[in-house]
Amino acid sequence: MPVGRKWGSEERKTILKPEDHLEIERLGGLAGIGLPGSHLRSRASLRGSELSADERDSVDALFKSRTSAAPSPQTGADAFRYRLKLHGGDRDTEIEVGETDLLASLKNRVQDELI
C-alpha cells in the first residue's frame, strides 16, 4: 500500500481528464447573453490539459455536486449563469452553475462574440 494512504481508501477519481474537452458558456445578465433572440454569445472552449490543477479540481467538484442540470439559485436579477459541457470518451455531461460557483480564472477565459 502506498505511503500516506489509509487502509481501504479509494484512489481519487477525477471527472475532467487532460484529453477531455470543456465548453463554458455564459448566460443571462442584463443583456440576456446566450438566450433566444440575443445577438451576443459568450463562451470558451478548453482542453482539460489547458487547465491548472485548481481549475480542474474546481470543475470536478462542480460536476460531482450537481446531480441534475438545474442551476444553483441566482444571487440577483441580472446575475450570470454558466453552462459547462464536458465531452470526453464516450460521455457528454452538462450542468449549469451560478455566477458565484465558477472560479474567476475560468470566467476570465470566456470571450464575447457577436452572432
Protein backbone atom coordinates (compact mmCIF):
# COMPACT_ATOMS: atom_id res chain seq x y z
CA MET A 1 0.00 0.00 0.00
CA PRO A 2 1.41 3.45 -0.91
CA VAL A 3 2.65 5.59 1.95
CA GLY A 4 0.11 8.19 3.08
CA ARG A 5 -3.00 6.26 2.01
CA LYS A 6 -5.45 4.97 4.56
CA TRP A 7 -6.37 1.33 4.51
CA GLY A 8 -9.40 0.80 2.29
CA SER A 9 -9.40 4.31 0.79
CA GLU A 10 -10.03 4.64 -2.92
CA GLU A 11 -7.82 6.46 -5.38
CA ARG A 12 -9.18 9.92 -6.14
CA LYS A 13 -11.28 9.67 -9.29
CA THR A 14 -11.32 12.75 -11.47
CA ILE A 15 -14.10 13.61 -13.85
CA LEU A 16 -12.14 16.03 -16.04
CA LYS A 17 -9.23 14.31 -17.76
CA PRO A 18 -6.42 16.07 -19.73
CA GLU A 19 -7.77 14.79 -23.06
CA ASP A 20 -11.36 15.92 -22.34
CA HIS A 21 -12.97 18.97 -23.90
CA LEU A 22 -14.71 21.55 -21.70
CA GLU A 23 -17.07 24.21 -23.05
CA ILE A 24 -18.09 27.11 -20.84
CA GLU A 25 -20.97 29.35 -21.89
CA ARG A 26 -22.10 32.49 -20.02
CA LEU A 27 -25.87 33.01 -19.98
CA GLY A 28 -28.21 35.76 -18.85
CA GLY A 29 -27.27 39.03 -17.24
CA LEU A 30 -28.76 42.39 -18.17
CA ALA A 31 -28.26 41.79 -21.91
CA GLY A 32 -29.67 38.25 -21.86
CA ILE A 33 -26.42 36.82 -23.28
CA GLY A 34 -26.84 33.49 -24.98
CA LEU A 35 -30.59 33.43 -24.62
CA PRO A 36 -33.03 33.21 -27.57
CA GLY A 37 -33.07 36.47 -29.52
CA SER A 38 -29.68 37.61 -28.22
CA HIS A 39 -27.03 38.71 -30.71
CA LEU A 40 -24.22 38.14 -28.24
CA ARG A 41 -22.68 34.85 -27.22
CA SER A 42 -20.00 34.35 -24.56
CA ARG A 43 -18.08 31.12 -24.42
CA ALA A 44 -14.77 29.34 -24.01
CA SER A 45 -13.60 26.03 -25.39
CA LEU A 46 -10.79 24.35 -23.46
CA ARG A 47 -8.93 21.05 -23.23
CA GLY A 48 -8.54 19.53 -19.80
CA SER A 49 -4.77 19.82 -20.21
CA GLU A 50 -5.08 23.64 -20.52
CA LEU A 51 -6.48 24.00 -17.00
CA SER A 52 -4.48 24.46 -13.83
CA ALA A 53 -4.75 21.89 -11.05
CA ASP A 54 -7.01 24.25 -9.06
CA GLU A 55 -9.28 24.78 -12.09
CA ARG A 56 -9.53 21.03 -12.74
CA ASP A 57 -10.32 20.36 -9.08
CA SER A 58 -12.98 23.08 -9.08
CA VAL A 59 -14.63 21.76 -12.26
CA ASP A 60 -14.53 18.21 -10.86
CA ALA A 61 -16.24 19.40 -7.66
CA LEU A 62 -18.96 21.21 -9.65
CA PHE A 63 -19.76 18.14 -11.75
CA LYS A 64 -19.69 15.85 -8.70
CA SER A 65 -22.00 18.12 -6.70
CA ARG A 66 -24.60 18.55 -9.46
CA THR A 67 -26.79 15.50 -9.93
CA SER A 68 -29.09 17.34 -12.34
CA ALA A 69 -28.76 20.14 -14.86
CA ALA A 70 -30.61 22.56 -12.57
CA PRO A 71 -28.68 25.77 -11.94
CA SER A 72 -27.99 26.96 -8.44
CA PRO A 73 -30.07 29.94 -7.32
CA GLN A 74 -29.03 33.30 -8.73
CA THR A 75 -27.88 35.98 -6.35
CA GLY A 76 -29.53 38.82 -8.29
CA ALA A 77 -31.91 39.54 -11.13
CA ASP A 78 -29.08 40.26 -13.56
CA ALA A 79 -26.68 37.54 -12.39
CA PHE A 80 -24.98 35.33 -14.94
CA ARG A 81 -25.27 31.57 -15.11
CA TYR A 82 -22.64 29.34 -16.65
CA ARG A 83 -23.35 26.21 -18.66
CA LEU A 84 -20.49 23.72 -18.54
CA LYS A 85 -20.39 20.93 -21.10
CA LEU A 86 -17.87 18.16 -20.68
CA HIS A 87 -17.07 15.99 -23.70
CA GLY A 88 -14.80 13.05 -23.05
CA GLY A 89 -14.51 9.46 -24.08
CA ASP A 90 -17.97 8.05 -24.63
CA ARG A 91 -19.80 10.57 -22.44
CA ASP A 92 -21.18 14.11 -22.65
CA THR A 93 -22.24 15.81 -19.44
CA GLU A 94 -23.82 19.23 -18.99
CA ILE A 95 -24.54 21.31 -15.89
CA GLU A 96 -25.47 24.91 -15.13
CA VAL A 97 -23.98 26.76 -12.20
CA GLY A 98 -24.44 30.19 -10.68
CA GLU A 99 -22.04 33.05 -11.20
CA THR A 100 -20.52 32.63 -7.75
CA ASP A 101 -19.86 28.90 -8.24
CA LEU A 102 -17.29 29.27 -11.03
CA LEU A 103 -13.67 30.28 -10.42
CA ALA A 104 -12.76 33.77 -11.61
CA SER A 105 -9.90 32.35 -13.69
CA LEU A 106 -12.41 30.24 -15.66
CA LYS A 107 -14.86 33.13 -16.05
CA ASN A 108 -12.00 35.24 -17.43
CA ARG A 109 -11.43 32.73 -20.25
CA VAL A 110 -14.94 33.32 -21.63
CA GLN A 111 -14.91 35.59 -24.70
CA ASP A 112 -17.83 37.58 -26.14
CA GLU A 113 -18.73 37.32 -29.81
CA LEU A 114 -21.47 38.76 -31.99
CA ILE A 115 -23.73 36.27 -33.74
